[in-house]
C-alpha atoms as a PDB file:
ATOM      1  CA  MET A   1     228.225 206.847 -28.299  1.00  0.00           C
ATOM      2  CA  LYS A   2     225.774 203.954 -29.254  1.00  0.00           C
ATOM      3  CA  LYS A   3     228.487 202.325 -31.350  1.00  0.00           C
ATOM      4  CA  ILE A   4     230.908 202.069 -28.454  1.00  0.00           C
ATOM      5  CA  PHE A   5     228.362 200.802 -26.114  1.00  0.00           C
ATOM      6  CA  PHE A   6     227.363 198.129 -28.552  1.00  0.00           C
ATOM      7  CA  ALA A   7     230.885 197.126 -29.317  1.00  0.00           C
ATOM      8  CA  LEU A   8     231.385 197.054 -25.388  1.00  0.00           C
ATOM      9  CA  THR A   9     228.147 194.780 -25.122  1.00  0.00           C
ATOM     10  CA  VAL A  10     229.586 192.443 -27.748  1.00  0.00           C
ATOM     11  CA  ILE A  11     232.965 192.179 -26.023  1.00  0.00           C
ATOM     12  CA  ILE A  12     231.476 191.428 -22.592  1.00  0.00           C
ATOM     13  CA  PHE A  13     228.909 188.792 -24.005  1.00  0.00           C
ATOM     14  CA  ALA A  14     231.651 187.104 -25.898  1.00  0.00           C
ATOM     15  CA  LYS A  15     233.681 186.928 -22.778  1.00  0.00           C
ATOM     16  CA  PHE A  16     231.050 185.443 -20.838  1.00  0.00           C
ATOM     17  CA  HIS A  17     229.741 183.070 -23.453  1.00  0.00           C
ATOM     18  CA  ALA A  18     233.520 182.028 -24.166  1.00  0.00           C
ATOM     19  CA  GLN A  19     233.706 180.809 -20.405  1.00  0.00           C
ATOM     20  CA  THR A  20     230.474 179.336 -20.124  1.00  0.00           C
ATOM     21  CA  TRP A  21     231.290 175.735 -21.284  1.00  0.00           C
ATOM     22  CA  LYS A  22     228.700 172.888 -22.117  1.00  0.00           C
ATOM     23  CA  THR A  23     228.288 170.034 -19.859  1.00  0.00           C
ATOM     24  CA  ASP A  24     230.304 167.707 -22.039  1.00  0.00           C
ATOM     25  CA  GLU A  25     233.104 170.156 -22.516  1.00  0.00           C
ATOM     26  CA  GLN A  26     233.465 170.553 -18.796  1.00  0.00           C
ATOM     27  CA  TYR A  27     233.673 166.585 -18.415  1.00  0.00           C
ATOM     28  CA  ILE A  28     236.444 166.530 -21.289  1.00  0.00           C
ATOM     29  CA  GLN A  29     238.524 169.058 -19.584  1.00  0.00           C
ATOM     30  CA  LYS A  30     238.339 167.518 -16.154  1.00  0.00           C
ATOM     31  CA  PHE A  31     238.678 163.773 -16.963  1.00  0.00           C
ATOM     32  CA  ALA A  32     240.527 163.578 -20.252  1.00  0.00           C
ATOM     33  CA  PRO A  33     243.801 163.491 -18.208  1.00  0.00           C
ATOM     34  CA  TYR A  34     242.377 160.257 -16.599  1.00  0.00           C
ATOM     35  CA  ALA A  35     241.596 158.679 -19.831  1.00  0.00           C
ATOM     36  CA  VAL A  36     245.005 159.198 -21.189  1.00  0.00           C
ATOM     37  CA  GLU A  37     246.554 157.926 -18.233  1.00  0.00           C
ATOM     38  CA  GLU A  38     244.536 154.720 -18.515  1.00  0.00           C
ATOM     39  CA  MET A  39     245.336 154.420 -22.275  1.00  0.00           C
ATOM     40  CA  GLU A  40     249.046 154.489 -21.243  1.00  0.00           C
ATOM     41  CA  LYS A  41     248.653 151.695 -18.635  1.00  0.00           C
ATOM     42  CA  TYR A  42     246.129 149.455 -20.416  1.00  0.00           C
ATOM     43  CA  LYS A  43     246.376 150.423 -24.155  1.00  0.00           C
ATOM     44  CA  ILE A  44     242.752 151.520 -24.335  1.00  0.00           C
ATOM     45  CA  PRO A  45     242.236 154.285 -26.732  1.00  0.00           C
ATOM     46  CA  ALA A  46     241.499 157.622 -24.583  1.00  0.00           C
ATOM     47  CA  SER A  47     238.798 158.607 -27.062  1.00  0.00           C
ATOM     48  CA  ILE A  48     236.891 155.474 -26.161  1.00  0.00           C
ATOM     49  CA  THR A  49     237.144 155.684 -22.605  1.00  0.00           C
ATOM     50  CA  LEU A  50     235.979 159.328 -22.723  1.00  0.00           C
ATOM     51  CA  ALA A  51     233.118 158.670 -24.906  1.00  0.00           C
ATOM     52  CA  GLN A  52     231.895 155.877 -22.810  1.00  0.00           C
ATOM     53  CA  GLY A  53     232.217 158.174 -19.635  1.00  0.00           C
ATOM     54  CA  LEU A  54     230.475 161.084 -21.347  1.00  0.00           C
ATOM     55  CA  LEU A  55     227.623 158.918 -22.589  1.00  0.00           C
ATOM     56  CA  GLU A  56     227.123 156.569 -19.178  1.00  0.00           C
ATOM     57  CA  THR A  57     227.242 159.743 -16.927  1.00  0.00           C
ATOM     58  CA  GLY A  58     225.358 162.206 -19.212  1.00  0.00           C
ATOM     59  CA  GLY A  59     228.462 164.536 -19.103  1.00  0.00           C
ATOM     60  CA  GLY A  60     228.907 163.818 -15.308  1.00  0.00           C
ATOM     61  CA  GLN A  61     225.589 164.427 -14.198  1.00  0.00           C
ATOM     62  CA  SER A  62     224.065 160.917 -13.444  1.00  0.00           C
ATOM     63  CA  ARG A  63     223.477 159.998  -9.949  1.00  0.00           C
ATOM     64  CA  LEU A  64     225.915 157.068 -10.147  1.00  0.00           C
ATOM     65  CA  ALA A  65     228.636 159.631 -10.896  1.00  0.00           C
ATOM     66  CA  GLN A  66     227.829 162.323  -8.542  1.00  0.00           C
ATOM     67  CA  GLN A  67     227.004 160.019  -5.489  1.00  0.00           C
ATOM     68  CA  GLY A  68     229.019 157.022  -6.313  1.00  0.00           C
ATOM     69  CA  ASN A  69     232.093 158.144  -8.411  1.00  0.00           C
ATOM     70  CA  ASN A  70     230.883 155.495 -10.581  1.00  0.00           C
ATOM     71  CA  HIS A  71     231.473 156.732 -14.392  1.00  0.00           C
ATOM     72  CA  PHE A  72     230.899 153.561 -16.301  1.00  0.00           C
ATOM     73  CA  GLY A  73     227.985 151.915 -14.574  1.00  0.00           C
ATOM     74  CA  ILE A  74     229.769 149.000 -13.545  1.00  0.00           C
ATOM     75  CA  LYS A  75     227.756 146.793 -11.288  1.00  0.00           C
ATOM     76  CA  CYS A  76     228.773 144.996  -8.066  1.00  0.00           C
ATOM     77  CA  LYS A  77     229.399 141.452  -9.520  1.00  0.00           C
ATOM     78  CA  GLU A  78     230.594 138.678  -7.128  1.00  0.00           C
ATOM     79  CA  ASP A  79     234.124 139.698  -6.806  1.00  0.00           C
ATOM     80  CA  TRP A  80     233.353 143.304  -5.391  1.00  0.00           C
ATOM     81  CA  THR A  81     234.190 143.793  -2.001  1.00  0.00           C
ATOM     82  CA  GLY A  82     234.131 147.701  -1.894  1.00  0.00           C
ATOM     83  CA  LYS A  83     231.374 150.169  -1.081  1.00  0.00           C
ATOM     84  CA  THR A  84     227.901 149.756  -2.860  1.00  0.00           C
ATOM     85  CA  MET A  85     224.843 151.869  -3.793  1.00  0.00           C
ATOM     86  CA  LYS A  86     221.599 150.791  -5.167  1.00  0.00           C
ATOM     87  CA  HIS A  87     220.506 152.028  -8.378  1.00  0.00           C
ATOM     88  CA  THR A  88     217.540 151.293 -10.911  1.00  0.00           C
ATOM     89  CA  ASP A  89     218.983 150.631 -14.351  1.00  0.00           C
ATOM     90  CA  ASP A  90     217.868 147.328 -16.252  1.00  0.00           C
ATOM     91  CA  ALA A  91     216.012 146.244 -12.980  1.00  0.00           C
ATOM     92  CA  PRO A  92     214.929 148.137  -9.768  1.00  0.00           C
ATOM     93  CA  ASN A  93     217.493 148.589  -7.035  1.00  0.00           C
ATOM     94  CA  GLU A  94     220.352 146.983  -8.460  1.00  0.00           C
ATOM     95  CA  CYS A  95     223.767 146.792  -6.993  1.00  0.00           C
ATOM     96  CA  PHE A  96     226.561 149.172  -8.348  1.00  0.00           C
ATOM     97  CA  ARG A  97     230.263 149.960  -7.303  1.00  0.00           C
ATOM     98  CA  VAL A  98     231.068 152.876  -5.166  1.00  0.00           C
ATOM     99  CA  TYR A  99     234.370 154.602  -5.540  1.00  0.00           C
ATOM    100  CA  ASP A 100     236.278 156.951  -3.211  1.00  0.00           C
ATOM    101  CA  ASP A 101     237.462 158.903  -6.345  1.00  0.00           C
ATOM    102  CA  PRO A 102     236.631 159.053 -10.036  1.00  0.00           C
ATOM    103  CA  ARG A 103     240.042 158.187 -11.015  1.00  0.00           C
ATOM    104  CA  ASP A 104     239.471 154.708  -9.226  1.00  0.00           C
ATOM    105  CA  SER A 105     236.391 154.383 -11.393  1.00  0.00           C
ATOM    106  CA  TYR A 106     238.414 155.063 -14.460  1.00  0.00           C
ATOM    107  CA  GLU A 107     241.012 152.310 -13.603  1.00  0.00           C
ATOM    108  CA  ASP A 108     238.320 149.792 -12.659  1.00  0.00           C
ATOM    109  CA  HIS A 109     236.845 150.352 -16.185  1.00  0.00           C
ATOM    110  CA  SER A 110     240.155 149.648 -17.649  1.00  0.00           C
ATOM    111  CA  LYS A 111     240.311 146.444 -15.548  1.00  0.00           C
ATOM    112  CA  PHE A 112     237.215 145.361 -16.394  1.00  0.00           C
ATOM    113  CA  LEU A 113     238.132 145.202 -20.299  1.00  0.00           C
ATOM    114  CA  ALA A 114     241.649 144.223 -19.669  1.00  0.00           C
ATOM    115  CA  PHE A 115     240.997 141.218 -17.604  1.00  0.00           C
ATOM    116  CA  ARG A 116     237.797 139.677 -19.111  1.00  0.00           C
ATOM    117  CA  LYS A 117     237.868 137.154 -21.686  1.00  0.00           C
ATOM    118  CA  TYR A 118     235.109 138.672 -23.728  1.00  0.00           C
ATOM    119  CA  TYR A 119     237.082 141.598 -24.643  1.00  0.00           C
ATOM    120  CA  VAL A 120     240.501 140.061 -25.456  1.00  0.00           C
ATOM    121  CA  ASN A 121     240.067 140.651 -29.080  1.00  0.00           C
ATOM    122  CA  LEU A 122     239.897 144.466 -28.908  1.00  0.00           C
ATOM    123  CA  PHE A 123     243.307 144.325 -27.613  1.00  0.00           C
ATOM    124  CA  LYS A 124     244.505 143.054 -31.016  1.00  0.00           C
ATOM    125  CA  LEU A 125     243.037 146.396 -32.650  1.00  0.00           C
ATOM    126  CA  ASP A 126     245.090 149.534 -33.570  1.00  0.00           C
ATOM    127  CA  MET A 127     244.943 151.703 -30.540  1.00  0.00           C
ATOM    128  CA  THR A 128     244.100 154.697 -32.708  1.00  0.00           C
ATOM    129  CA  ASP A 129     241.339 153.014 -34.571  1.00  0.00           C
ATOM    130  CA  TYR A 130     238.628 154.328 -32.507  1.00  0.00           C
ATOM    131  CA  LYS A 131     235.961 153.130 -34.929  1.00  0.00           C
ATOM    132  CA  ALA A 132     237.203 149.530 -34.691  1.00  0.00           C
ATOM    133  CA  TRP A 133     237.268 149.677 -30.947  1.00  0.00           C
ATOM    134  CA  ALA A 134     233.492 150.953 -30.800  1.00  0.00           C
ATOM    135  CA  HIS A 135     232.282 148.195 -33.070  1.00  0.00           C
ATOM    136  CA  GLY A 136     234.343 145.605 -31.210  1.00  0.00           C
ATOM    137  CA  LEU A 137     232.815 146.530 -27.769  1.00  0.00           C
ATOM    138  CA  LYS A 138     229.406 146.339 -29.377  1.00  0.00           C
ATOM    139  CA  LYS A 139     230.383 142.901 -30.751  1.00  0.00           C
ATOM    140  CA  ALA A 140     231.610 141.576 -27.459  1.00  0.00           C
ATOM    141  CA  GLY A 141     228.344 142.304 -25.758  1.00  0.00           C
ATOM    142  CA  TYR A 142     229.371 145.472 -23.859  1.00  0.00           C
ATOM    143  CA  ALA A 143     225.982 147.154 -24.441  1.00  0.00           C
ATOM    144  CA  THR A 144     222.614 146.039 -25.654  1.00  0.00           C
ATOM    145  CA  ASN A 145     221.718 149.258 -27.539  1.00  0.00           C
ATOM    146  CA  PRO A 146     222.050 148.221 -31.284  1.00  0.00           C
ATOM    147  CA  ARG A 147     223.426 151.740 -32.182  1.00  0.00           C
ATOM    148  CA  TYR A 148     225.958 151.790 -29.272  1.00  0.00           C
ATOM    149  CA  ALA A 149     228.966 151.676 -31.575  1.00  0.00           C
ATOM    150  CA  TYR A 150     227.557 154.578 -33.594  1.00  0.00           C
ATOM    151  CA  ILE A 151     226.635 156.640 -30.671  1.00  0.00           C
ATOM    152  CA  LEU A 152     230.379 156.339 -29.341  1.00  0.00           C
ATOM    153  CA  ILE A 153     231.773 157.130 -32.598  1.00  0.00           C
ATOM    154  CA  ASP A 154     229.558 160.309 -32.881  1.00  0.00           C
ATOM    155  CA  LYS A 155     230.317 161.337 -29.408  1.00  0.00           C
ATOM    156  CA  ILE A 156     234.286 161.027 -30.316  1.00  0.00           C
ATOM    157  CA  GLU A 157     233.825 162.965 -33.485  1.00  0.00           C
ATOM    158  CA  LYS A 158     231.607 165.696 -32.459  1.00  0.00           C
ATOM    159  CA  ASN A 159     233.965 166.509 -29.456  1.00  0.00           C
ATOM    160  CA  LYS A 160     237.400 165.506 -31.276  1.00  0.00           C
ATOM    161  CA  LEU A 161     238.207 162.946 -28.734  1.00  0.00           C
ATOM    162  CA  TYR A 162     240.572 161.293 -31.114  1.00  0.00           C
ATOM    163  CA  GLU A 163     243.071 163.821 -30.280  1.00  0.00           C
ATOM    164  CA  PHE A 164     243.671 162.476 -26.977  1.00  0.00           C
ATOM    165  CA  ASP A 165     244.678 159.090 -28.625  1.00  0.00           C
ATOM    166  CA  LYS A 166     247.657 161.007 -30.050  1.00  0.00           C
ATOM    167  CA  THR A 167     248.745 162.617 -26.719  1.00  0.00           C
ATOM    168  CA  ASN A 168     250.365 161.331 -23.390  1.00  0.00           C
ATOM    169  CA  SER A 169     250.026 162.018 -19.793  1.00  0.00           C
ATOM    170  CA  LYS A 170     252.876 164.662 -19.709  1.00  0.00           C
ATOM    171  CA  GLU A 171     251.259 166.542 -22.625  1.00  0.00           C
ATOM    172  CA  VAL A 172     247.544 165.927 -22.103  1.00  0.00           C
ATOM    173  CA  LEU A 173     246.841 169.593 -20.977  1.00  0.00           C
ATOM    174  CA  TYR A 174     248.297 171.037 -23.892  1.00  0.00           C
ATOM    175  CA  ALA A 175     245.882 169.107 -25.906  1.00  0.00           C
ATOM    176  CA  VAL A 176     243.041 170.239 -23.718  1.00  0.00           C
ATOM    177  CA  LEU A 177     244.210 173.896 -24.014  1.00  0.00           C
ATOM    178  CA  LYS A 178     244.468 173.522 -27.919  1.00  0.00           C
ATOM    179  CA  MET A 179     240.813 172.326 -28.012  1.00  0.00           C
ATOM    180  CA  TYR A 180     239.750 174.938 -25.534  1.00  0.00           C
ATOM    181  CA  PRO A 181     242.064 177.926 -25.888  1.00  0.00           C
ATOM    182  CA  GLU A 182     239.789 180.302 -23.422  1.00  0.00           C
ATOM    183  CA  LEU A 183     241.079 178.034 -20.768  1.00  0.00           C
ATOM    184  CA  LYS A 184     244.292 180.282 -20.850  1.00  0.00           C
ATOM    185  CA  ASN A 185     242.084 182.685 -18.807  1.00  0.00           C
ATOM    186  CA  ASP A 186     241.651 179.780 -15.996  1.00  0.00           C
ATOM    187  CA  LYS A 187     244.710 180.545 -13.628  1.00  0.00           C
ATOM    188  CA  ILE A 188     244.151 177.203 -11.839  1.00  0.00           C
ATOM    189  CA  PHE A 189     244.286 175.213 -15.238  1.00  0.00           C
ATOM    190  CA  MET A 190     247.287 177.369 -16.369  1.00  0.00           C
ATOM    191  CA  ALA A 191     249.030 176.485 -13.059  1.00  0.00           C
ATOM    192  CA  GLN A 192     248.395 172.959 -13.728  1.00  0.00           C
ATOM    193  CA  LEU A 193     250.099 173.484 -17.184  1.00  0.00           C
ATOM    194  CA  ASP A 194     252.970 175.390 -15.872  1.00  0.00           C
ATOM    195  CA  GLN A 195     253.535 172.362 -13.584  1.00  0.00           C
ATOM    196  CA  SER A 196     253.625 169.768 -16.508  1.00  0.00           C
ATOM    197  CA  ARG A 197     256.068 172.146 -18.386  1.00  0.00           C
ATOM    198  CA  VAL A 198     258.677 171.609 -15.716  1.00  0.00           C
ATOM    199  CA  SER A 199     261.166 168.763 -16.743  1.00  0.00           C
ATOM    200  CA  ALA A 200     262.201 166.590 -13.957  1.00  0.00           C
ATOM    201  CA  LYS A 201     266.041 167.323 -13.488  1.00  0.00           C
ATOM    202  CA  PRO A 202     268.373 164.529 -12.537  1.00  0.00           C
ATOM    203  CA  VAL A 203     269.063 164.085  -8.778  1.00  0.00           C
ATOM    204  CA  THR A 204     271.447 162.120  -6.356  1.00  0.00           C
ATOM    205  CA  VAL A 205     269.755 159.841  -3.885  1.00  0.00           C
ATOM    206  CA  LYS A 206     271.226 157.799  -1.193  1.00  0.00           C
ATOM    207  CA  VAL A 207     269.879 154.198  -1.250  1.00  0.00           C
ATOM    208  CA  PRO A 208     270.044 151.933   1.767  1.00  0.00           C
ATOM    209  CA  TYR A 209     271.730 148.665   1.011  1.00  0.00           C
ATOM    210  CA  GLU A 210     269.648 145.689   0.855  1.00  0.00           C
ATOM    211  CA  GLN A 211     270.808 142.047   0.456  1.00  0.00           C
ATOM    212  CA  VAL A 212     268.558 141.425  -2.562  1.00  0.00           C
ATOM    213  CA  SER A 213     269.106 140.801  -6.267  1.00  0.00           C
ATOM    214  CA  TYR A 214     270.532 143.303  -8.585  1.00  0.00           C
ATOM    215  CA  ALA A 215     267.191 143.670 -10.451  1.00  0.00           C
ATOM    216  CA  LYS A 216     265.300 144.378  -7.230  1.00  0.00           C
ATOM    217  CA  GLN A 217     268.006 146.791  -5.945  1.00  0.00           C
ATOM    218  CA  GLN A 218     267.696 148.790  -9.370  1.00  0.00           C
ATOM    219  CA  LYS A 219     264.081 148.908  -9.039  1.00  0.00           C
ATOM    220  CA  ASN A 220     264.262 150.430  -5.621  1.00  0.00           C
ATOM    221  CA  VAL A 221     266.903 153.055  -6.823  1.00  0.00           C
ATOM    222  CA  ASP A 222     264.672 153.919  -9.898  1.00  0.00           C
ATOM    223  CA  LYS A 223     261.603 154.448  -7.648  1.00  0.00           C
ATOM    224  CA  LEU A 224     263.643 156.614  -5.091  1.00  0.00           C
ATOM    225  CA  VAL A 225     265.120 158.746  -8.199  1.00  0.00           C
ATOM    226  CA  GLU A 226     261.606 159.181  -9.775  1.00  0.00           C
ATOM    227  CA  ARG A 227     260.319 160.480  -6.286  1.00  0.00           C
ATOM    228  CA  ALA A 228     263.173 162.742  -5.636  1.00  0.00           C
ATOM    229  CA  GLU A 229     262.705 164.196  -9.179  1.00  0.00           C
ATOM    230  CA  THR A 230     258.879 164.725  -8.838  1.00  0.00           C
ATOM    231  CA  LEU A 231     259.496 166.553  -5.638  1.00  0.00           C
ATOM    232  CA  LYS A 232     262.408 168.679  -6.890  1.00  0.00           C
ATOM    233  CA  SER A 233     260.160 169.727  -9.783  1.00  0.00           C
ATOM    234  CA  ILE A 234     257.344 171.107  -7.716  1.00  0.00           C
ATOM    235  CA  LEU A 235     256.735 174.963  -8.145  1.00  0.00           C
ATOM    236  CA  ILE A 236     255.162 177.129  -5.337  1.00  0.00           C
ATOM    237  CA  LYS A 237     252.185 179.281  -6.950  1.00  0.00           C
ATOM    238  CA  SER A 238     250.374 182.213  -5.478  1.00  0.00           C
ATOM    239  CA  HIS A 239     246.895 181.808  -5.498  1.00  0.00           C
ATOM    240  CA  PRO A 240     244.416 184.448  -6.830  1.00  0.00           C
ATOM    241  CA  ASN A 241     242.511 184.545  -3.489  1.00  0.00           C
ATOM    242  CA  GLY A 242     244.734 186.464  -1.373  1.00  0.00           C
ATOM    243  CA  GLY A 243     248.054 185.169  -2.614  1.00  0.00           C
ATOM    244  CA  LYS A 244     247.932 181.956  -0.582  1.00  0.00           C
ATOM    245  CA  LYS A 245     250.847 179.490  -1.382  1.00  0.00           C
ATOM    246  CA  PHE A 246     249.853 176.391  -3.105  1.00  0.00           C
ATOM    247  CA  VAL A 247     251.198 173.752  -5.407  1.00  0.00           C
ATOM    248  CA  ILE A 248     250.053 171.538  -8.158  1.00  0.00           C
ATOM    249  CA  ILE A 249     251.197 167.831  -7.465  1.00  0.00           C
ATOM    250  CA  PRO A 250     252.965 166.713 -10.624  1.00  0.00           C
ATOM    251  CA  ASP A 251     252.559 162.989 -10.042  1.00  0.00           C
ATOM    252  CA  ASP A 252     251.018 160.431  -7.537  1.00  0.00           C
ATOM    253  CA  VAL A 253     252.962 160.850  -4.384  1.00  0.00           C
ATOM    254  CA  ALA A 254     252.399 160.450  -0.474  1.00  0.00           C
ATOM    255  CA  LEU A 255     251.710 163.441   1.587  1.00  0.00           C
ATOM    256  CA  GLU A 256     254.751 162.422   3.893  1.00  0.00           C
ATOM    257  CA  ALA A 257     257.033 163.314   1.094  1.00  0.00           C
ATOM    258  CA  ILE A 258     255.450 166.772   0.553  1.00  0.00           C
ATOM    259  CA  SER A 259     255.609 167.427   4.293  1.00  0.00           C
ATOM    260  CA  LYS A 260     259.119 166.662   4.478  1.00  0.00           C
ATOM    261  CA  LYS A 261     259.935 168.790   1.369  1.00  0.00           C
ATOM    262  CA  PHE A 262     258.388 172.069   2.802  1.00  0.00           C
ATOM    263  CA  GLY A 263     258.837 171.151   6.457  1.00  0.00           C
ATOM    264  CA  ILE A 264     255.099 171.442   7.189  1.00  0.00           C
ATOM    265  CA  SER A 265     253.617 168.664   9.352  1.00  0.00           C
ATOM    266  CA  GLU A 266     250.994 166.216   7.611  1.00  0.00           C
ATOM    267  CA  SER A 267     248.424 167.002  10.220  1.00  0.00           C
ATOM    268  CA  ARG A 268     248.623 170.639   9.093  1.00  0.00           C
ATOM    269  CA  LEU A 269     248.520 169.684   5.494  1.00  0.00           C
ATOM    270  CA  MET A 270     245.544 167.606   6.104  1.00  0.00           C
ATOM    271  CA  SER A 271     243.649 170.156   8.087  1.00  0.00           C
ATOM    272  CA  TRP A 272     244.472 173.081   5.771  1.00  0.00           C
ATOM    273  CA  ASN A 273     243.399 170.981   2.573  1.00  0.00           C
ATOM    274  CA  GLU A 274     240.684 169.142   4.374  1.00  0.00           C
ATOM    275  CA  LEU A 275     242.053 165.731   3.222  1.00  0.00           C
ATOM    276  CA  ASP A 276     240.772 162.436   4.231  1.00  0.00           C
ATOM    277  CA  GLY A 277     243.675 160.208   3.046  1.00  0.00           C
ATOM    278  CA  ASN A 278     247.304 160.790   2.862  1.00  0.00           C
ATOM    279  CA  GLN A 279     248.028 159.757  -0.893  1.00  0.00           C
ATOM    280  CA  LEU A 280     247.923 162.552  -3.410  1.00  0.00           C
ATOM    281  CA  ARG A 281     247.117 162.457  -7.013  1.00  0.00           C
ATOM    282  CA  ARG A 282     248.494 163.995 -10.150  1.00  0.00           C
ATOM    283  CA  ASN A 283     247.204 167.591 -10.721  1.00  0.00           C
ATOM    284  CA  ASP A 284     245.775 167.932  -7.136  1.00  0.00           C
ATOM    285  CA  ILE A 285     246.012 171.291  -5.688  1.00  0.00           C
ATOM    286  CA  LEU A 286     247.622 171.654  -2.274  1.00  0.00           C
ATOM    287  CA  PHE A 287     247.777 174.460  -0.123  1.00  0.00           C
ATOM    288  CA  LEU A 288     250.933 175.224   1.997  1.00  0.00           C
ATOM    289  CA  GLU A 289     248.891 177.433   4.579  1.00  0.00           C
ATOM    290  CA  SER A 290     245.283 178.016   5.835  1.00  0.00           C
ATOM    291  CA  LYS A 291     242.812 178.778   2.961  1.00  0.00           C
ATOM    292  CA  SER A 292     240.610 181.932   3.121  1.00  0.00           C
ATOM    293  CA  SER A 293     237.103 182.083   4.421  1.00  0.00           C
ATOM    294  CA  SER A 294     235.566 183.592   1.202  1.00  0.00           C
ATOM    295  CA  GLY A 295     236.291 183.349  -2.305  1.00  0.00           C
ATOM    296  CA  ASN A 296     238.048 186.191  -4.622  1.00  0.00           C
ATOM    297  CA  VAL A 297     234.793 186.109  -6.815  1.00  0.00           C
ATOM    298  CA  ALA A 298     231.185 186.335  -5.674  1.00  0.00           C
ATOM    299  CA  LYS A 299     229.744 183.475  -7.463  1.00  0.00           C
ATOM    300  CA  TYR A 300     230.489 180.304  -9.652  1.00  0.00           C
ATOM    301  CA  LYS A 301     228.801 177.626 -11.683  1.00  0.00           C
ATOM    302  CA  ALA A 302     229.786 174.143 -10.575  1.00  0.00           C
ATOM    303  CA  GLN A 303     230.927 172.143 -13.534  1.00  0.00           C
ATOM    304  CA  ALA A 304     230.366 168.673 -14.400  1.00  0.00           C
ATOM    305  CA  GLY A 305     232.057 166.257 -12.023  1.00  0.00           C
ATOM    306  CA  GLU A 306     233.282 168.877  -9.682  1.00  0.00           C
ATOM    307  CA  SER A 307     232.857 168.241  -5.859  1.00  0.00           C
ATOM    308  CA  MET A 308     232.533 170.532  -3.136  1.00  0.00           C
ATOM    309  CA  HIS A 309     236.218 169.760  -2.213  1.00  0.00           C
ATOM    310  CA  ASP A 310     237.289 170.470  -5.708  1.00  0.00           C
ATOM    311  CA  ILE A 311     235.686 173.930  -5.745  1.00  0.00           C
ATOM    312  CA  ALA A 312     237.023 174.728  -2.337  1.00  0.00           C
ATOM    313  CA  GLN A 313     240.533 173.958  -3.478  1.00  0.00           C
ATOM    314  CA  LYS A 314     240.045 175.744  -6.900  1.00  0.00           C
ATOM    315  CA  PHE A 315     239.022 178.960  -5.120  1.00  0.00           C
ATOM    316  CA  GLY A 316     241.336 178.719  -2.179  1.00  0.00           C
ATOM    317  CA  ILE A 317     238.280 178.766   0.250  1.00  0.00           C
ATOM    318  CA  LYS A 318     237.720 176.578   3.545  1.00  0.00           C
ATOM    319  CA  LEU A 319     235.412 173.759   2.764  1.00  0.00           C
ATOM    320  CA  LYS A 320     233.126 174.257   5.849  1.00  0.00           C
ATOM    321  CA  LYS A 321     232.633 178.022   4.796  1.00  0.00           C
ATOM    322  CA  LEU A 322     231.798 176.982   1.402  1.00  0.00           C
ATOM    323  CA  TYR A 323     229.029 174.409   2.390  1.00  0.00           C
ATOM    324  CA  SER A 324     227.860 177.259   5.130  1.00  0.00           C
ATOM    325  CA  LYS A 325     227.629 180.053   2.522  1.00  0.00           C
ATOM    326  CA  ASN A 326     225.648 177.658   0.146  1.00  0.00           C
ATOM    327  CA  ARG A 327     223.269 176.318   2.977  1.00  0.00           C
ATOM    328  CA  MET A 328     224.164 172.787   2.024  1.00  0.00           C
ATOM    329  CA  ASP A 329     224.837 169.551   4.318  1.00  0.00           C
ATOM    330  CA  PHE A 330     228.367 168.306   4.626  1.00  0.00           C
ATOM    331  CA  GLY A 331     228.960 165.634   2.295  1.00  0.00           C
ATOM    332  CA  GLN A 332     226.229 166.981  -0.185  1.00  0.00           C
ATOM    333  CA  GLN A 333     227.469 167.610  -3.615  1.00  0.00           C
ATOM    334  CA  PRO A 334     226.621 170.262  -6.155  1.00  0.00           C
ATOM    335  CA  ARG A 335     224.709 169.744  -9.503  1.00  0.00           C
ATOM    336  CA  ALA A 336     226.495 170.713 -12.892  1.00  0.00           C
ATOM    337  CA  GLY A 337     225.470 174.290 -13.372  1.00  0.00           C
ATOM    338  CA  GLN A 338     224.492 174.935  -9.815  1.00  0.00           C
ATOM    339  CA  LEU A 339     225.399 178.555  -8.747  1.00  0.00           C
ATOM    340  CA  MET A 340     227.759 178.510  -5.742  1.00  0.00           C
ATOM    341  CA  TYR A 341     228.138 181.345  -3.417  1.00  0.00           C
ATOM    342  CA  LEU A 342     231.722 182.085  -2.549  1.00  0.00           C
ATOM    343  CA  GLN A 343     231.439 185.406  -0.675  1.00  0.00           C
ATOM    344  CA  SER A 344     227.975 186.092   0.745  1.00  0.00           C
ATOM    345  CA  LYS A 345     225.633 183.582   1.965  1.00  0.00           C
ATOM    346  CA  LYS A 346     223.145 182.195  -0.248  1.00  0.00           C
ATOM    347  CA  PRO A 347     219.768 183.780  -0.013  1.00  0.00           C
ATOM    348  CA  ARG A 348     216.765 182.045   1.537  1.00  0.00           C
ATOM    349  CA  LYS A 349     213.975 181.083  -0.629  1.00  0.00           C
END
């Protein structure tokens, strides 16, 4: 009997331990797809981008990342016209850029490197040579720390980030799963992976005639076909929380297109999913009906880089209810590792 009890204890502990990811692992699981997308667009190694993000945010826990979605510590500069926040870095109350979405921070980082003369020599390097890129960044003056290149290389090798230099945006989730096989128990992650497996089938589209050049007309055709194929590939899933119908968005698309596909008004989709804009991003979770007032599990530890909206979508719970259950002010965001209450209300201290 004692042996059976011990065996069960080991199994339970192993299961619990396997699903408790370190902060850096959580960050990699969430943001590796962003880094790979940027690699495809701007030819910057995904390993370098991820290592810089990990280092700059402390695994997504920095104030700039959590309050400003700024993952690379990019300061305002004279050409910035967007939102800003004050933060003490090299000097007190410096001006830093604020982004609506972490993905915008990733793209701004890519542009920062791609369009500044100081970094032009980086793009002559082999895109899979992360060591040359790390030393090249230091040589170009990206950071003042004399060990900056070695710190990046250590991050890359410790976390095997070089694996993401060999993949693409269609297959990056396979790379994440290979690196963290226990994600197979995460139903939402697997739903995202299932959606990425779906091949876009050829479709026929009607293209309104325009008196433009052949090249421009062909570009319009390609865009319409790509959007139609994206919409056709979307799979409807049942959420673990009450079987609510939801989809994983396979590529960036306007909410209007999803509204027309499923015959649900944009206003309803925006209300059910607590959206503040009508542009959807790849791997977004979108519910096709109203979410639940409680989660299907009692508690959850917030992961690095997760917002309250992320958690509400992951567990199919209304955002206002999530705030209420955790006695948080609307707009406040969780810390990595913070215990979130999904069913009962958080006890008062």
